[in-house]
Amino acid sequence: QFYPFPDKALREIIATYPNANELFWTQEEAKNMGGWFFVQPRLFKVLVGTEWPIFVGRAASASPATGSYTIHNLEQKLLVDESLRP
């Protein structure tokens, strides 16, 4: 749920990971089509002791789809790999 933004709940969840120093925002949509630009400044206010949230997703685009099944699958694999990197 983006609105109302769950500040308190996120702070509580983040507090359960005291050794974490990165937060990833992952979305399948292109950067300009998903929730990133709404959530980004709100995440910054919630984060304490971490770096700026890291966006993982497709590059900004005028089209919501690549038009190629092969490229879509490649992008999907990259999204998952980057989001779950050690």
PDB file of N, CA and C in Angstrom:
ATOM      1  N   GLN A   1       0.849  -1.166   0.000  1.00  0.00           N
ATOM      2  CA  GLN A   1       0.000   0.000   0.000  1.00  0.00           C
ATOM      3  C   GLN A   1       0.895   1.230   0.000  1.00  0.00           C
ATOM      4  N   PHE A   2       0.704   2.086  -0.998  1.00  0.00           N
ATOM      5  CA  PHE A   2       1.532   3.288  -1.092  1.00  0.00           C
ATOM      6  C   PHE A   2       0.960   4.452  -0.292  1.00  0.00           C
ATOM      7  N   TYR A   3      -0.354   4.521  -0.213  1.00  0.00           N
ATOM      8  CA  TYR A   3      -0.953   5.659   0.458  1.00  0.00           C
ATOM      9  C   TYR A   3      -2.119   5.200   1.305  1.00  0.00           C
ATOM     10  N   PRO A   4      -2.220   5.560   2.545  1.00  0.00           N
ATOM     11  CA  PRO A   4      -1.186   6.333   3.240  1.00  0.00           C
ATOM     12  C   PRO A   4       0.092   5.505   3.389  1.00  0.00           C
ATOM     13  N   PHE A   5       1.205   6.176   3.258  1.00  0.00           N
ATOM     14  CA  PHE A   5       2.482   5.482   3.279  1.00  0.00           C
ATOM     15  C   PHE A   5       2.714   4.878   4.665  1.00  0.00           C
ATOM     16  N   PRO A   6       3.101   3.602   4.731  1.00  0.00           N
ATOM     17  CA  PRO A   6       3.230   2.898   6.018  1.00  0.00           C
ATOM     18  C   PRO A   6       4.559   3.167   6.729  1.00  0.00           C
ATOM     19  N   ASP A   7       4.826   4.426   7.059  1.00  0.00           N
ATOM     20  CA  ASP A   7       6.091   4.813   7.697  1.00  0.00           C
ATOM     21  C   ASP A   7       6.407   3.967   8.933  1.00  0.00           C
ATOM     22  N   LYS A   8       5.454   3.912   9.842  1.00  0.00           N
ATOM     23  CA  LYS A   8       5.691   3.218  11.109  1.00  0.00           C
ATOM     24  C   LYS A   8       5.969   1.730  10.883  1.00  0.00           C
ATOM     25  N   ALA A   9       5.171   1.085  10.068  1.00  0.00           N
ATOM     26  CA  ALA A   9       5.361  -0.341   9.800  1.00  0.00           C
ATOM     27  C   ALA A   9       6.723  -0.603   9.165  1.00  0.00           C
ATOM     28  N   LEU A  10       7.124   0.242   8.230  1.00  0.00           N
ATOM     29  CA  LEU A  10       8.439   0.064   7.593  1.00  0.00           C
ATOM     30  C   LEU A  10       9.574   0.252   8.591  1.00  0.00           C
ATOM     31  N   ARG A  11       9.451   1.248   9.463  1.00  0.00           N
ATOM     32  CA  ARG A  11      10.494   1.451  10.488  1.00  0.00           C
ATOM     33  C   ARG A  11      10.623   0.210  11.369  1.00  0.00           C
ATOM     34  N   GLU A  12       9.490  -0.360  11.740  1.00  0.00           N
ATOM     35  CA  GLU A  12       9.504  -1.558  12.590  1.00  0.00           C
ATOM     36  C   GLU A  12      10.150  -2.738  11.861  1.00  0.00           C
ATOM     37  N   ILE A  13       9.830  -2.913  10.599  1.00  0.00           N
ATOM     38  CA  ILE A  13      10.410  -4.011   9.815  1.00  0.00           C
ATOM     39  C   ILE A  13      11.906  -3.806   9.632  1.00  0.00           C
ATOM     40  N   ILE A  14      12.301  -2.608   9.273  1.00  0.00           N
ATOM     41  CA  ILE A  14      13.723  -2.309   9.051  1.00  0.00           C
ATOM     42  C   ILE A  14      14.515  -2.495  10.333  1.00  0.00           C
ATOM     43  N   ALA A  15      13.923  -2.170  11.474  1.00  0.00           N
ATOM     44  CA  ALA A  15      14.607  -2.318  12.763  1.00  0.00           C
ATOM     45  C   ALA A  15      14.938  -3.772  13.079  1.00  0.00           C
ATOM     46  N   THR A  16      14.239  -4.704  12.457  1.00  0.00           N
ATOM     47  CA  THR A  16      14.519  -6.121  12.708  1.00  0.00           C
ATOM     48  C   THR A  16      15.747  -6.614  11.932  1.00  0.00           C
ATOM     49  N   TYR A  17      16.338  -5.747  11.121  1.00  0.00           N
ATOM     50  CA  TYR A  17      17.544  -6.076  10.353  1.00  0.00           C
ATOM     51  C   TYR A  17      18.663  -5.101  10.726  1.00  0.00           C
ATOM     52  N   PRO A  18      19.194  -5.201  11.945  1.00  0.00           N
ATOM     53  CA  PRO A  18      20.170  -4.204  12.411  1.00  0.00           C
ATOM     54  C   PRO A  18      21.477  -4.178  11.625  1.00  0.00           C
ATOM     55  N   ASN A  19      21.819  -5.260  10.945  1.00  0.00           N
ATOM     56  CA  ASN A  19      23.075  -5.304  10.188  1.00  0.00           C
ATOM     57  C   ASN A  19      22.905  -4.894   8.731  1.00  0.00           C
ATOM     58  N   ALA A  20      21.688  -4.644   8.310  1.00  0.00           N
ATOM     59  CA  ALA A  20      21.449  -4.260   6.918  1.00  0.00           C
ATOM     60  C   ALA A  20      21.938  -2.833   6.679  1.00  0.00           C
ATOM     61  N   ASN A  21      22.564  -2.625   5.546  1.00  0.00           N
ATOM     62  CA  ASN A  21      23.013  -1.273   5.204  1.00  0.00           C
ATOM     63  C   ASN A  21      22.591  -0.868   3.800  1.00  0.00           C
ATOM     64  N   GLU A  22      21.755  -1.700   3.162  1.00  0.00           N
ATOM     65  CA  GLU A  22      21.231  -1.376   1.838  1.00  0.00           C
ATOM     66  C   GLU A  22      19.748  -1.736   1.798  1.00  0.00           C
ATOM     67  N   LEU A  23      19.013  -0.967   1.019  1.00  0.00           N
ATOM     68  CA  LEU A  23      17.614  -1.282   0.783  1.00  0.00           C
ATOM     69  C   LEU A  23      17.379  -1.196  -0.715  1.00  0.00           C
ATOM     70  N   PHE A  24      16.814  -2.239  -1.280  1.00  0.00           N
ATOM     71  CA  PHE A  24      16.537  -2.289  -2.710  1.00  0.00           C
ATOM     72  C   PHE A  24      15.049  -2.096  -2.955  1.00  0.00           C
ATOM     73  N   TRP A  25      14.719  -1.255  -3.911  1.00  0.00           N
ATOM     74  CA  TRP A  25      13.353  -1.140  -4.397  1.00  0.00           C
ATOM     75  C   TRP A  25      13.345  -1.817  -5.759  1.00  0.00           C
ATOM     76  N   THR A  26      12.608  -2.909  -5.874  1.00  0.00           N
ATOM     77  CA  THR A  26      12.558  -3.656  -7.120  1.00  0.00           C
ATOM     78  C   THR A  26      11.163  -3.572  -7.709  1.00  0.00           C
ATOM     79  N   GLN A  27      11.105  -3.223  -8.983  1.00  0.00           N
ATOM     80  CA  GLN A  27       9.818  -3.208  -9.682  1.00  0.00           C
ATOM     81  C   GLN A  27      10.019  -3.695 -11.101  1.00  0.00           C
ATOM     82  N   GLU A  28       8.995  -4.353 -11.610  1.00  0.00           N
ATOM     83  CA  GLU A  28       9.059  -4.868 -12.982  1.00  0.00           C
ATOM     84  C   GLU A  28       8.832  -3.761 -14.000  1.00  0.00           C
ATOM     85  N   GLU A  29       8.076  -2.760 -13.616  1.00  0.00           N
ATOM     86  CA  GLU A  29       7.774  -1.672 -14.555  1.00  0.00           C
ATOM     87  C   GLU A  29       9.029  -0.855 -14.840  1.00  0.00           C
ATOM     88  N   ALA A  30       8.969  -0.117 -15.929  1.00  0.00           N
ATOM     89  CA  ALA A  30      10.049   0.823 -16.238  1.00  0.00           C
ATOM     90  C   ALA A  30      10.138   1.853 -15.107  1.00  0.00           C
ATOM     91  N   LYS A  31      11.295   2.448 -14.947  1.00  0.00           N
ATOM     92  CA  LYS A  31      11.543   3.365 -13.835  1.00  0.00           C
ATOM     93  C   LYS A  31      10.503   4.492 -13.763  1.00  0.00           C
ATOM     94  N   ASN A  32      10.051   4.958 -14.903  1.00  0.00           N
ATOM     95  CA  ASN A  32       9.099   6.067 -14.932  1.00  0.00           C
ATOM     96  C   ASN A  32       7.640   5.614 -14.876  1.00  0.00           C
ATOM     97  N   MET A  33       7.388   4.317 -14.705  1.00  0.00           N
ATOM     98  CA  MET A  33       6.005   3.826 -14.733  1.00  0.00           C
ATOM     99  C   MET A  33       5.545   3.194 -13.425  1.00  0.00           C
ATOM    100  N   GLY A  34       6.430   2.802 -12.582  1.00  0.00           N
ATOM    101  CA  GLY A  34       6.053   2.149 -11.336  1.00  0.00           C
ATOM    102  C   GLY A  34       5.973   3.133 -10.190  1.00  0.00           C
ATOM    103  N   GLY A  35       6.073   2.622  -8.996  1.00  0.00           N
ATOM    104  CA  GLY A  35       5.924   3.436  -7.804  1.00  0.00           C
ATOM    105  C   GLY A  35       7.174   4.134  -7.327  1.00  0.00           C
ATOM    106  N   TRP A  36       8.301   3.933  -8.000  1.00  0.00           N
ATOM    107  CA  TRP A  36       9.591   4.432  -7.525  1.00  0.00           C
ATOM    108  C   TRP A  36       9.591   5.924  -7.184  1.00  0.00           C
ATOM    109  N   PHE A  37       9.099   6.753  -8.063  1.00  0.00           N
ATOM    110  CA  PHE A  37       9.190   8.194  -7.819  1.00  0.00           C
ATOM    111  C   PHE A  37       8.261   8.660  -6.706  1.00  0.00           C
ATOM    112  N   PHE A  38       7.240   7.894  -6.395  1.00  0.00           N
ATOM    113  CA  PHE A  38       6.388   8.198  -5.243  1.00  0.00           C
ATOM    114  C   PHE A  38       7.041   7.719  -3.948  1.00  0.00           C
ATOM    115  N   VAL A  39       7.603   6.529  -3.987  1.00  0.00           N
ATOM    116  CA  VAL A  39       8.134   5.891  -2.788  1.00  0.00           C
ATOM    117  C   VAL A  39       9.526   6.395  -2.409  1.00  0.00           C
ATOM    118  N   GLN A  40      10.336   6.753  -3.380  1.00  0.00           N
ATOM    119  CA  GLN A  40      11.738   7.118  -3.126  1.00  0.00           C
ATOM    120  C   GLN A  40      11.916   8.166  -2.024  1.00  0.00           C
ATOM    121  N   PRO A  41      11.280   9.327  -2.091  1.00  0.00           N
ATOM    122  CA  PRO A  41      11.506  10.305  -1.024  1.00  0.00           C
ATOM    123  C   PRO A  41      10.950   9.852   0.321  1.00  0.00           C
ATOM    124  N   ARG A  42       9.913   9.049   0.305  1.00  0.00           N
ATOM    125  CA  ARG A  42       9.341   8.554   1.554  1.00  0.00           C
ATOM    126  C   ARG A  42      10.235   7.500   2.197  1.00  0.00           C
ATOM    127  N   LEU A  43      10.865   6.665   1.380  1.00  0.00           N
ATOM    128  CA  LEU A  43      11.815   5.689   1.919  1.00  0.00           C
ATOM    129  C   LEU A  43      13.005   6.385   2.555  1.00  0.00           C
ATOM    130  N   PHE A  44      13.468   7.447   1.947  1.00  0.00           N
ATOM    131  CA  PHE A  44      14.614   8.173   2.478  1.00  0.00           C
ATOM    132  C   PHE A  44      14.332   8.675   3.889  1.00  0.00           C
ATOM    133  N   LYS A  45      13.106   9.108   4.141  1.00  0.00           N
ATOM    134  CA  LYS A  45      12.735   9.596   5.474  1.00  0.00           C
ATOM    135  C   LYS A  45      12.665   8.462   6.499  1.00  0.00           C
ATOM    136  N   VAL A  46      12.385   7.257   6.040  1.00  0.00           N
ATOM    137  CA  VAL A  46      12.243   6.110   6.926  1.00  0.00           C
ATOM    138  C   VAL A  46      13.593   5.476   7.245  1.00  0.00           C
ATOM    139  N   LEU A  47      14.521   5.529   6.314  1.00  0.00           N
ATOM    140  CA  LEU A  47      15.799   4.847   6.464  1.00  0.00           C
ATOM    141  C   LEU A  47      16.704   5.561   7.460  1.00  0.00           C
ATOM    142  N   VAL A  48      17.254   4.776   8.356  1.00  0.00           N
ATOM    143  CA  VAL A  48      18.217   5.304   9.315  1.00  0.00           C
ATOM    144  C   VAL A  48      19.406   4.349   9.307  1.00  0.00           C
ATOM    145  N   GLY A  49      20.586   4.878   9.044  1.00  0.00           N
ATOM    146  CA  GLY A  49      21.774   4.040   9.040  1.00  0.00           C
ATOM    147  C   GLY A  49      21.970   3.233   7.771  1.00  0.00           C
ATOM    148  N   THR A  50      21.236   3.553   6.726  1.00  0.00           N
ATOM    149  CA  THR A  50      21.421   2.876   5.455  1.00  0.00           C
ATOM    150  C   THR A  50      21.710   3.914   4.391  1.00  0.00           C
ATOM    151  N   GLU A  51      22.152   3.438   3.266  1.00  0.00           N
ATOM    152  CA  GLU A  51      22.386   4.337   2.143  1.00  0.00           C
ATOM    153  C   GLU A  51      21.061   4.643   1.462  1.00  0.00           C
ATOM    154  N   TRP A  52      21.109   5.525   0.474  1.00  0.00           N
ATOM    155  CA  TRP A  52      19.935   5.864  -0.324  1.00  0.00           C
ATOM    156  C   TRP A  52      19.365   4.583  -0.911  1.00  0.00           C
ATOM    157  N   PRO A  53      18.051   4.426  -0.981  1.00  0.00           N
ATOM    158  CA  PRO A  53      17.482   3.208  -1.555  1.00  0.00           C
ATOM    159  C   PRO A  53      17.976   2.981  -2.989  1.00  0.00           C
ATOM    160  N   ILE A  54      18.205   1.743  -3.321  1.00  0.00           N
ATOM    161  CA  ILE A  54      18.738   1.377  -4.629  1.00  0.00           C
ATOM    162  C   ILE A  54      17.600   0.893  -5.520  1.00  0.00           C
ATOM    163  N   PHE A  55      17.460   1.530  -6.673  1.00  0.00           N
ATOM    164  CA  PHE A  55      16.423   1.136  -7.629  1.00  0.00           C
ATOM    165  C   PHE A  55      16.908  -0.039  -8.462  1.00  0.00           C
ATOM    166  N   VAL A  56      16.081  -1.069  -8.534  1.00  0.00           N
ATOM    167  CA  VAL A  56      16.335  -2.195  -9.429  1.00  0.00           C
ATOM    168  C   VAL A  56      15.089  -2.355 -10.279  1.00  0.00           C
ATOM    169  N   GLY A  57      15.236  -2.130 -11.555  1.00  0.00           N
ATOM    170  CA  GLY A  57      14.101  -2.236 -12.456  1.00  0.00           C
ATOM    171  C   GLY A  57      14.527  -1.918 -13.874  1.00  0.00           C
ATOM    172  N   ARG A  58      13.565  -1.884 -14.726  1.00  0.00           N
ATOM    173  CA  ARG A  58      13.848  -1.572 -16.127  1.00  0.00           C
ATOM    174  C   ARG A  58      14.122  -0.078 -16.292  1.00  0.00           C
ATOM    175  N   ALA A  59      14.888   0.266 -17.292  1.00  0.00           N
ATOM    176  CA  ALA A  59      15.183   1.673 -17.577  1.00  0.00           C
ATOM    177  C   ALA A  59      13.902   2.409 -17.956  1.00  0.00           C
ATOM    178  N   ALA A  60      13.897   3.720 -17.772  1.00  0.00           N
ATOM    179  CA  ALA A  60      12.747   4.529 -18.175  1.00  0.00           C
ATOM    180  C   ALA A  60      12.460   4.301 -19.654  1.00  0.00           C
ATOM    181  N   SER A  61      11.186   4.267 -19.973  1.00  0.00           N
ATOM    182  CA  SER A  61      10.809   3.937 -21.343  1.00  0.00           C
ATOM    183  C   SER A  61       9.438   4.509 -21.660  1.00  0.00           C
ATOM    184  N   ALA A  62       9.204   4.813 -22.932  1.00  0.00           N
ATOM    185  CA  ALA A  62       7.894   5.286 -23.368  1.00  0.00           C
ATOM    186  C   ALA A  62       6.915   4.133 -23.523  1.00  0.00           C
ATOM    187  N   SER A  63       7.438   2.913 -23.581  1.00  0.00           N
ATOM    188  CA  SER A  63       6.601   1.731 -23.780  1.00  0.00           C
ATOM    189  C   SER A  63       6.641   0.849 -22.531  1.00  0.00           C
ATOM    190  N   PRO A  64       5.508   0.280 -22.141  1.00  0.00           N
ATOM    191  CA  PRO A  64       5.504  -0.593 -20.971  1.00  0.00           C
ATOM    192  C   PRO A  64       6.077  -1.988 -21.239  1.00  0.00           C
ATOM    193  N   ALA A  65       6.350  -2.312 -22.497  1.00  0.00           N
ATOM    194  CA  ALA A  65       6.876  -3.636 -22.833  1.00  0.00           C
ATOM    195  C   ALA A  65       7.981  -3.523 -23.874  1.00  0.00           C
ATOM    196  N   THR A  66       8.884  -4.495 -23.853  1.00  0.00           N
ATOM    197  CA  THR A  66       9.998  -4.473 -24.810  1.00  0.00           C
ATOM    198  C   THR A  66       9.561  -4.865 -26.209  1.00  0.00           C
ATOM    199  N   GLY A  67       8.503  -5.658 -26.293  1.00  0.00           N
ATOM    200  CA  GLY A  67       8.062  -6.159 -27.594  1.00  0.00           C
ATOM    201  C   GLY A  67       8.784  -7.429 -28.002  1.00  0.00           C
ATOM    202  N   SER A  68       9.664  -7.906 -27.130  1.00  0.00           N
ATOM    203  CA  SER A  68      10.422  -9.116 -27.431  1.00  0.00           C
ATOM    204  C   SER A  68      10.382 -10.032 -26.216  1.00  0.00           C
ATOM    205  N   TYR A  69       9.879 -11.227 -26.417  1.00  0.00           N
ATOM    206  CA  TYR A  69       9.812 -12.210 -25.340  1.00  0.00           C
ATOM    207  C   TYR A  69      11.206 -12.530 -24.807  1.00  0.00           C
ATOM    208  N   THR A  70      12.167 -12.650 -25.681  1.00  0.00           N
ATOM    209  CA  THR A  70      13.543 -12.977 -25.293  1.00  0.00           C
ATOM    210  C   THR A  70      14.142 -11.869 -24.434  1.00  0.00           C
ATOM    211  N   ILE A  71      13.987 -10.629 -24.869  1.00  0.00           N
ATOM    212  CA  ILE A  71      14.531  -9.503 -24.097  1.00  0.00           C
ATOM    213  C   ILE A  71      13.810  -9.371 -22.764  1.00  0.00           C
ATOM    214  N   HIS A  72      12.491  -9.571 -22.767  1.00  0.00           N
ATOM    215  CA  HIS A  72      11.734  -9.514 -21.518  1.00  0.00           C
ATOM    216  C   HIS A  72      12.277 -10.526 -20.514  1.00  0.00           C
ATOM    217  N   ASN A  73      12.482 -11.763 -20.958  1.00  0.00           N
ATOM    218  CA  ASN A  73      13.001 -12.796 -20.062  1.00  0.00           C
ATOM    219  C   ASN A  73      14.401 -12.470 -19.567  1.00  0.00           C
ATOM    220  N   LEU A  74      15.241 -11.927 -20.420  1.00  0.00           N
ATOM    221  CA  LEU A  74      16.582 -11.522 -20.012  1.00  0.00           C
ATOM    222  C   LEU A  74      16.510 -10.417 -18.958  1.00  0.00           C
ATOM    223  N   GLU A  75      15.687  -9.397 -19.200  1.00  0.00           N
ATOM    224  CA  GLU A  75      15.522  -8.310 -18.229  1.00  0.00           C
ATOM    225  C   GLU A  75      14.979  -8.843 -16.907  1.00  0.00           C
ATOM    226  N   GLN A  76      14.027  -9.763 -16.980  1.00  0.00           N
ATOM    227  CA  GLN A  76      13.441 -10.334 -15.764  1.00  0.00           C
ATOM    228  C   GLN A  76      14.497 -11.059 -14.941  1.00  0.00           C
ATOM    229  N   LYS A  77      15.339 -11.825 -15.597  1.00  0.00           N
ATOM    230  CA  LYS A  77      16.412 -12.530 -14.895  1.00  0.00           C
ATOM    231  C   LYS A  77      17.378 -11.539 -14.251  1.00  0.00           C
ATOM    232  N   LEU A  78      17.724 -10.487 -14.961  1.00  0.00           N
ATOM    233  CA  LEU A  78      18.623  -9.476 -14.408  1.00  0.00           C
ATOM    234  C   LEU A  78      18.016  -8.788 -13.186  1.00  0.00           C
ATOM    235  N   LEU A  79      16.718  -8.507 -13.241  1.00  0.00           N
ATOM    236  CA  LEU A  79      16.035  -7.876 -12.097  1.00  0.00           C
ATOM    237  C   LEU A  79      16.129  -8.760 -10.855  1.00  0.00           C
ATOM    238  N   VAL A  80      15.822 -10.019 -11.026  1.00  0.00           N
ATOM    239  CA  VAL A  80      15.843 -10.939  -9.893  1.00  0.00           C
ATOM    240  C   VAL A  80      17.275 -11.101  -9.381  1.00  0.00           C
ATOM    241  N   ASP A  81      18.218 -11.303 -10.282  1.00  0.00           N
ATOM    242  CA  ASP A  81      19.614 -11.473  -9.869  1.00  0.00           C
ATOM    243  C   ASP A  81      20.134 -10.255  -9.110  1.00  0.00           C
ATOM    244  N   GLU A  82      19.849  -9.072  -9.601  1.00  0.00           N
ATOM    245  CA  GLU A  82      20.331  -7.851  -8.937  1.00  0.00           C
ATOM    246  C   GLU A  82      19.645  -7.637  -7.590  1.00  0.00           C
ATOM    247  N   SER A  83      18.376  -7.944  -7.518  1.00  0.00           N
ATOM    248  CA  SER A  83      17.635  -7.765  -6.267  1.00  0.00           C
ATOM    249  C   SER A  83      18.108  -8.695  -5.169  1.00  0.00           C
ATOM    250  N   LEU A  84      18.557  -9.878  -5.540  1.00  0.00           N
ATOM    251  CA  LEU A  84      18.936 -10.887  -4.559  1.00  0.00           C
ATOM    252  C   LEU A  84      20.437 -11.085  -4.457  1.00  0.00           C
ATOM    253  N   ARG A  85      21.186 -10.132  -4.972  1.00  0.00           N
ATOM    254  CA  ARG A  85      22.647 -10.295  -4.929  1.00  0.00           C
ATOM    255  C   ARG A  85      23.135 -10.290  -3.475  1.00  0.00           C
ATOM    256  N   PRO A  86      24.200 -11.051  -3.210  1.00  0.00           N
ATOM    257  CA  PRO A  86      24.725 -11.107  -1.835  1.00  0.00           C
ATOM    258  C   PRO A  86      25.386  -9.795  -1.434  1.00  0.00           C
TER     259      PRO A  86
END
